[in-house]
PDB file of N, CA and C in Angstrom:
ATOM      1  N   UNK A   1     119.086 191.358  72.880  1.00  0.00           N
ATOM      2  CA  UNK A   1     119.971 190.254  72.592  1.00  0.00           C
ATOM      3  C   UNK A   1     121.310 190.809  72.151  1.00  0.00           C
ATOM      4  N   UNK A   2     122.368 190.174  72.587  1.00  0.00           N
ATOM      5  CA  UNK A   2     123.720 190.554  72.215  1.00  0.00           C
ATOM      6  C   UNK A   2     123.938 190.295  70.730  1.00  0.00           C
ATOM      7  N   UNK A   3     124.541 191.264  70.008  1.00  0.00           N
ATOM      8  CA  UNK A   3     124.756 191.117  68.563  1.00  0.00           C
ATOM      9  C   UNK A   3     125.638 189.930  68.233  1.00  0.00           C
ATOM     10  N   UNK A   4     126.598 189.583  69.100  1.00  0.00           N
ATOM     11  CA  UNK A   4     127.530 188.494  68.826  1.00  0.00           C
ATOM     12  C   UNK A   4     126.936 187.122  69.142  1.00  0.00           C
ATOM     13  N   UNK A   5     125.848 187.089  69.863  1.00  0.00           N
ATOM     14  CA  UNK A   5     125.239 185.818  70.227  1.00  0.00           C
ATOM     15  C   UNK A   5     124.275 185.378  69.130  1.00  0.00           C
ATOM     16  N   UNK A   6     124.469 184.181  68.615  1.00  0.00           N
ATOM     17  CA  UNK A   6     123.604 183.657  67.563  1.00  0.00           C
ATOM     18  C   UNK A   6     122.246 183.305  68.135  1.00  0.00           C
ATOM     19  N   UNK A   7     121.153 183.738  67.484  1.00  0.00           N
ATOM     20  CA  UNK A   7     119.833 183.333  67.957  1.00  0.00           C
ATOM     21  C   UNK A   7     119.592 181.843  67.713  1.00  0.00           C
ATOM     22  N   UNK A   8     120.397 181.213  66.862  1.00  0.00           N
ATOM     23  CA  UNK A   8     120.312 179.766  66.667  1.00  0.00           C
ATOM     24  C   UNK A   8     121.317 179.139  67.622  1.00  0.00           C
ATOM     25  N   UNK A   9     120.835 178.551  68.701  1.00  0.00           N
ATOM     26  CA  UNK A   9     121.710 177.991  69.723  1.00  0.00           C
ATOM     27  C   UNK A   9     122.108 176.559  69.432  1.00  0.00           C
ATOM     28  N   UNK A  10     121.297 175.863  68.649  1.00  0.00           N
ATOM     29  CA  UNK A  10     121.596 174.476  68.268  1.00  0.00           C
ATOM     30  C   UNK A  10     121.122 174.272  66.832  1.00  0.00           C
ATOM     31  N   UNK A  11     121.852 173.465  66.104  1.00  0.00           N
ATOM     32  CA  UNK A  11     121.501 173.184  64.713  1.00  0.00           C
ATOM     33  C   UNK A  11     120.181 172.419  64.658  1.00  0.00           C
ATOM     34  N   UNK A  12     119.230 172.873  63.846  1.00  0.00           N
ATOM     35  CA  UNK A  12     117.953 172.167  63.752  1.00  0.00           C
ATOM     36  C   UNK A  12     118.070 170.827  63.024  1.00  0.00           C
ATOM     37  N   UNK A  13     119.177 170.584  62.325  1.00  0.00           N
ATOM     38  CA  UNK A  13     119.352 169.330  61.593  1.00  0.00           C
ATOM     39  C   UNK A  13     119.997 168.251  62.463  1.00  0.00           C
ATOM     40  N   UNK A  14     121.094 168.601  63.154  1.00  0.00           N
ATOM     41  CA  UNK A  14     121.841 167.579  63.903  1.00  0.00           C
ATOM     42  C   UNK A  14     121.816 167.781  65.412  1.00  0.00           C
ATOM     43  N   UNK A  15     121.358 168.958  65.858  1.00  0.00           N
ATOM     44  CA  UNK A  15     121.328 169.247  67.291  1.00  0.00           C
ATOM     45  C   UNK A  15     122.660 169.727  67.838  1.00  0.00           C
ATOM     46  N   UNK A  16     123.669 169.871  66.960  1.00  0.00           N
ATOM     47  CA  UNK A  16     124.996 170.319  67.386  1.00  0.00           C
ATOM     48  C   UNK A  16     124.989 171.765  67.846  1.00  0.00           C
ATOM     49  N   UNK A  17     125.991 172.109  68.652  1.00  0.00           N
ATOM     50  CA  UNK A  17     126.057 173.447  69.223  1.00  0.00           C
ATOM     51  C   UNK A  17     127.173 174.298  68.630  1.00  0.00           C
ATOM     52  N   UNK A  18     127.839 173.808  67.597  1.00  0.00           N
ATOM     53  CA  UNK A  18     128.903 174.581  66.952  1.00  0.00           C
ATOM     54  C   UNK A  18     128.321 175.394  65.792  1.00  0.00           C
ATOM     55  N   UNK A  19     127.406 176.298  66.121  1.00  0.00           N
ATOM     56  CA  UNK A  19     126.734 177.138  65.133  1.00  0.00           C
ATOM     57  C   UNK A  19     127.334 178.534  65.211  1.00  0.00           C
ATOM     58  N   UNK A  20     127.774 179.049  64.072  1.00  0.00           N
ATOM     59  CA  UNK A  20     128.355 180.383  64.025  1.00  0.00           C
ATOM     60  C   UNK A  20     127.662 181.230  62.979  1.00  0.00           C
ATOM     61  N   UNK A  21     127.745 182.507  63.185  1.00  0.00           N
ATOM     62  CA  UNK A  21     127.087 183.451  62.277  1.00  0.00           C
ATOM     63  C   UNK A  21     128.021 183.805  61.122  1.00  0.00           C
ATOM     64  N   UNK A  22     127.509 183.726  59.892  1.00  0.00           N
ATOM     65  CA  UNK A  22     128.262 184.117  58.710  1.00  0.00           C
ATOM     66  C   UNK A  22     128.029 185.581  58.386  1.00  0.00           C
ATOM     67  N   UNK A  23     126.853 186.082  58.677  1.00  0.00           N
ATOM     68  CA  UNK A  23     126.481 187.464  58.401  1.00  0.00           C
ATOM     69  C   UNK A  23     124.999 187.543  58.129  1.00  0.00           C
ATOM     70  N   UNK A  24     124.410 188.672  58.464  1.00  0.00           N
ATOM     71  CA  UNK A  24     122.970 188.815  58.264  1.00  0.00           C
ATOM     72  C   UNK A  24     122.226 187.726  59.014  1.00  0.00           C
ATOM     73  N   UNK A  25     121.394 186.983  58.312  1.00  0.00           N
ATOM     74  CA  UNK A  25     120.641 185.875  58.901  1.00  0.00           C
ATOM     75  C   UNK A  25     121.198 184.526  58.475  1.00  0.00           C
ATOM     76  N   UNK A  26     122.459 184.489  58.040  1.00  0.00           N
ATOM     77  CA  UNK A  26     123.092 183.250  57.601  1.00  0.00           C
ATOM     78  C   UNK A  26     123.993 182.700  58.697  1.00  0.00           C
ATOM     79  N   UNK A  27     123.873 181.393  58.936  1.00  0.00           N
ATOM     80  CA  UNK A  27     124.650 180.705  59.961  1.00  0.00           C
ATOM     81  C   UNK A  27     125.238 179.435  59.364  1.00  0.00           C
ATOM     82  N   UNK A  28     126.195 178.849  60.078  1.00  0.00           N
ATOM     83  CA  UNK A  28     126.859 177.633  59.624  1.00  0.00           C
ATOM     84  C   UNK A  28     127.007 176.687  60.800  1.00  0.00           C
ATOM     85  N   UNK A  29     126.692 175.416  60.586  1.00  0.00           N
ATOM     86  CA  UNK A  29     126.874 174.405  61.625  1.00  0.00           C
ATOM     87  C   UNK A  29     128.188 173.671  61.357  1.00  0.00           C
ATOM     88  N   UNK A  30     129.117 173.774  62.274  1.00  0.00           N
ATOM     89  CA  UNK A  30     130.406 173.104  62.157  1.00  0.00           C
ATOM     90  C   UNK A  30     130.328 171.619  62.432  1.00  0.00           C
ATOM     91  N   UNK A  31     129.219 171.129  62.968  1.00  0.00           N
ATOM     92  CA  UNK A  31     129.073 169.701  63.242  1.00  0.00           C
ATOM     93  C   UNK A  31     128.600 168.931  62.008  1.00  0.00           C
ATOM     94  N   UNK A  32     127.607 169.452  61.299  1.00  0.00           N
ATOM     95  CA  UNK A  32     127.074 168.727  60.135  1.00  0.00           C
ATOM     96  C   UNK A  32     127.361 169.437  58.815  1.00  0.00           C
ATOM     97  N   UNK A  33     128.053 170.585  58.880  1.00  0.00           N
ATOM     98  CA  UNK A  33     128.491 171.334  57.688  1.00  0.00           C
ATOM     99  C   UNK A  33     127.341 171.809  56.809  1.00  0.00           C
ATOM    100  N   UNK A  34     126.263 172.247  57.433  1.00  0.00           N
ATOM    101  CA  UNK A  34     125.145 172.836  56.696  1.00  0.00           C
ATOM    102  C   UNK A  34     125.126 174.337  56.910  1.00  0.00           C
ATOM    103  N   UNK A  35     124.671 175.065  55.902  1.00  0.00           N
ATOM    104  CA  UNK A  35     124.432 176.490  56.054  1.00  0.00           C
ATOM    105  C   UNK A  35     122.960 176.669  56.387  1.00  0.00           C
ATOM    106  N   UNK A  36     122.686 177.591  57.279  1.00  0.00           N
ATOM    107  CA  UNK A  36     121.331 177.828  57.771  1.00  0.00           C
ATOM    108  C   UNK A  36     120.942 179.257  57.454  1.00  0.00           C
ATOM    109  N   UNK A  37     119.745 179.442  56.922  1.00  0.00           N
ATOM    110  CA  UNK A  37     119.228 180.777  56.633  1.00  0.00           C
ATOM    111  C   UNK A  37     117.984 180.988  57.488  1.00  0.00           C
ATOM    112  N   UNK A  38     118.088 181.911  58.422  1.00  0.00           N
ATOM    113  CA  UNK A  38     117.017 182.174  59.374  1.00  0.00           C
ATOM    114  C   UNK A  38     116.037 183.187  58.791  1.00  0.00           C
ATOM    115  N   UNK A  39     114.733 182.841  58.839  1.00  0.00           N
ATOM    116  CA  UNK A  39     113.645 183.738  58.438  1.00  0.00           C
ATOM    117  C   UNK A  39     112.759 183.949  59.671  1.00  0.00           C
ATOM    118  N   UNK A  40     113.159 184.866  60.580  1.00  0.00           N
ATOM    119  CA  UNK A  40     112.385 185.003  61.826  1.00  0.00           C
ATOM    120  C   UNK A  40     110.941 185.432  61.616  1.00  0.00           C
ATOM    121  N   UNK A  41     110.684 186.284  60.622  1.00  0.00           N
ATOM    122  CA  UNK A  41     109.312 186.748  60.400  1.00  0.00           C
ATOM    123  C   UNK A  41     108.412 185.637  59.863  1.00  0.00           C
ATOM    124  N   UNK A  42     109.006 184.654  59.215  1.00  0.00           N
ATOM    125  CA  UNK A  42     108.239 183.514  58.685  1.00  0.00           C
ATOM    126  C   UNK A  42     108.242 182.325  59.644  1.00  0.00           C
ATOM    127  N   UNK A  43     109.080 182.409  60.679  1.00  0.00           N
ATOM    128  CA  UNK A  43     109.142 181.336  61.657  1.00  0.00           C
ATOM    129  C   UNK A  43     109.774 180.063  61.128  1.00  0.00           C
ATOM    130  N   UNK A  44     110.783 180.215  60.243  1.00  0.00           N
ATOM    131  CA  UNK A  44     111.417 179.008  59.709  1.00  0.00           C
ATOM    132  C   UNK A  44     112.902 179.228  59.451  1.00  0.00           C
ATOM    133  N   UNK A  45     113.597 178.112  59.300  1.00  0.00           N
ATOM    134  CA  UNK A  45     115.018 178.081  58.973  1.00  0.00           C
ATOM    135  C   UNK A  45     115.176 177.196  57.744  1.00  0.00           C
ATOM    136  N   UNK A  46     115.857 177.708  56.717  1.00  0.00           N
ATOM    137  CA  UNK A  46     116.155 176.901  55.538  1.00  0.00           C
ATOM    138  C   UNK A  46     117.541 176.281  55.713  1.00  0.00           C
ATOM    139  N   UNK A  47     117.684 175.017  55.285  1.00  0.00           N
ATOM    140  CA  UNK A  47     118.940 174.275  55.411  1.00  0.00           C
ATOM    141  C   UNK A  47     119.536 174.046  54.035  1.00  0.00           C
ATOM    142  N   UNK A  48     120.848 174.275  53.912  1.00  0.00           N
ATOM    143  CA  UNK A  48     121.535 174.124  52.635  1.00  0.00           C
ATOM    144  C   UNK A  48     122.801 173.289  52.807  1.00  0.00           C
ATOM    145  N   UNK A  49     123.031 172.379  51.873  1.00  0.00           N
ATOM    146  CA  UNK A  49     124.276 171.631  51.799  1.00  0.00           C
ATOM    147  C   UNK A  49     125.246 172.449  50.955  1.00  0.00           C
ATOM    148  N   UNK A  50     126.532 172.380  51.266  1.00  0.00           N
ATOM    149  CA  UNK A  50     127.550 173.119  50.531  1.00  0.00           C
ATOM    150  C   UNK A  50     128.446 172.116  49.817  1.00  0.00           C
ATOM    151  N   UNK A  51     128.553 172.234  48.467  1.00  0.00           N
ATOM    152  CA  UNK A  51     129.411 171.304  47.727  1.00  0.00           C
ATOM    153  C   UNK A  51     130.858 171.814  47.697  1.00  0.00           C
ATOM    154  N   UNK A  52     131.733 171.053  47.039  1.00  0.00           N
ATOM    155  CA  UNK A  52     133.160 171.378  47.006  1.00  0.00           C
ATOM    156  C   UNK A  52     133.444 172.734  46.371  1.00  0.00           C
ATOM    157  N   UNK A  53     132.579 173.178  45.466  1.00  0.00           N
ATOM    158  CA  UNK A  53     132.779 174.458  44.779  1.00  0.00           C
ATOM    159  C   UNK A  53     132.121 175.627  45.509  1.00  0.00           C
ATOM    160  N   UNK A  54     131.468 175.344  46.629  1.00  0.00           N
ATOM    161  CA  UNK A  54     130.828 176.387  47.414  1.00  0.00           C
ATOM    162  C   UNK A  54     129.395 176.664  47.036  1.00  0.00           C
ATOM    163  N   UNK A  55     128.833 175.860  46.142  1.00  0.00           N
ATOM    164  CA  UNK A  55     127.430 176.026  45.747  1.00  0.00           C
ATOM    165  C   UNK A  55     126.510 175.468  46.824  1.00  0.00           C
ATOM    166  N   UNK A  56     125.371 176.121  46.996  1.00  0.00           N
ATOM    167  CA  UNK A  56     124.392 175.694  47.994  1.00  0.00           C
ATOM    168  C   UNK A  56     123.272 174.908  47.333  1.00  0.00           C
ATOM    169  N   UNK A  57     122.869 173.818  47.988  1.00  0.00           N
ATOM    170  CA  UNK A  57     121.734 173.015  47.551  1.00  0.00           C
ATOM    171  C   UNK A  57     120.759 172.926  48.717  1.00  0.00           C
ATOM    172  N   UNK A  58     119.512 173.353  48.491  1.00  0.00           N
ATOM    173  CA  UNK A  58     118.502 173.295  49.544  1.00  0.00           C
ATOM    174  C   UNK A  58     118.235 171.841  49.924  1.00  0.00           C
ATOM    175  N   UNK A  59     118.224 171.587  51.233  1.00  0.00           N
ATOM    176  CA  UNK A  59     117.956 170.226  51.716  1.00  0.00           C
ATOM    177  C   UNK A  59     116.731 170.153  52.624  1.00  0.00           C
ATOM    178  N   UNK A  60     116.120 171.307  52.929  1.00  0.00           N
ATOM    179  CA  UNK A  60     114.910 171.271  53.732  1.00  0.00           C
ATOM    180  C   UNK A  60     114.685 172.544  54.514  1.00  0.00           C
ATOM    181  N   UNK A  61     113.600 172.562  55.262  1.00  0.00           N
ATOM    182  CA  UNK A  61     113.272 173.689  56.140  1.00  0.00           C
ATOM    183  C   UNK A  61     112.831 173.131  57.486  1.00  0.00           C
ATOM    184  N   UNK A  62     112.981 173.946  58.495  1.00  0.00           N
ATOM    185  CA  UNK A  62     112.532 173.593  59.849  1.00  0.00           C
ATOM    186  C   UNK A  62     111.806 174.803  60.423  1.00  0.00           C
ATOM    187  N   UNK A  63     110.874 174.550  61.288  1.00  0.00           N
ATOM    188  CA  UNK A  63     110.189 175.631  61.995  1.00  0.00           C
ATOM    189  C   UNK A  63     111.078 176.112  63.124  1.00  0.00           C
ATOM    190  N   UNK A  64     111.055 177.423  63.363  1.00  0.00           N
ATOM    191  CA  UNK A  64     111.791 178.001  64.483  1.00  0.00           C
ATOM    192  C   UNK A  64     111.030 177.647  65.753  1.00  0.00           C
ATOM    193  N   UNK A  65     111.747 177.073  66.704  1.00  0.00           N
ATOM    194  CA  UNK A  65     111.112 176.703  67.967  1.00  0.00           C
ATOM    195  C   UNK A  65     111.153 177.887  68.901  1.00  0.00           C
ATOM    196  N   UNK A  66     110.002 178.187  69.463  1.00  0.00           N
ATOM    197  CA  UNK A  66     109.919 179.295  70.408  1.00  0.00           C
ATOM    198  C   UNK A  66     110.534 178.858  71.726  1.00  0.00           C
ATOM    199  N   UNK A  67     111.204 179.812  72.368  1.00  0.00           N
ATOM    200  CA  UNK A  67     111.766 179.551  73.704  1.00  0.00           C
ATOM    201  C   UNK A  67     110.788 180.052  74.740  1.00  0.00           C
ATOM    202  N   UNK A  68     110.369 179.169  75.616  1.00  0.00           N
ATOM    203  CA  UNK A  68     109.434 179.531  76.662  1.00  0.00           C
ATOM    204  C   UNK A  68     110.169 179.650  77.980  1.00  0.00           C
ATOM    205  N   UNK A  69     109.795 180.644  78.800  1.00  0.00           N
ATOM    206  CA  UNK A  69     110.439 180.757  80.121  1.00  0.00           C
ATOM    207  C   UNK A  69     110.067 179.552  80.983  1.00  0.00           C
ATOM    208  N   UNK A  70     110.948 179.167  81.894  1.00  0.00           N
ATOM    209  CA  UNK A  70     110.637 178.025  82.774  1.00  0.00           C
ATOM    210  C   UNK A  70     109.419 178.316  83.635  1.00  0.00           C
ATOM    211  N   UNK A  71     108.663 177.271  83.874  1.00  0.00           N
ATOM    212  CA  UNK A  71     107.472 177.381  84.723  1.00  0.00           C
ATOM    213  C   UNK A  71     107.874 177.062  86.163  1.00  0.00           C
ATOM    214  N   UNK A  72     107.505 177.946  87.108  1.00  0.00           N
ATOM    215  CA  UNK A  72     107.837 177.722  88.530  1.00  0.00           C
ATOM    216  C   UNK A  72     106.632 177.281  89.292  1.00  0.00           C
TER     217      UNK A  72
END
């Protein structure tokens, strides 16, 4: 996988595609303004709301969806 390509292709909260990498396993959705923390070994993504002061508040978790190759 290309280092610049985010493994999160769509936001698990809103389905938006404006997801960018902040660093490490941290991502940000520009559509719903949530920070995402990817835990690939646990198969989940934690979702955080960001307040005006930059503090994070956990708002939930989602399971990482596996990508399956197309069936021919």
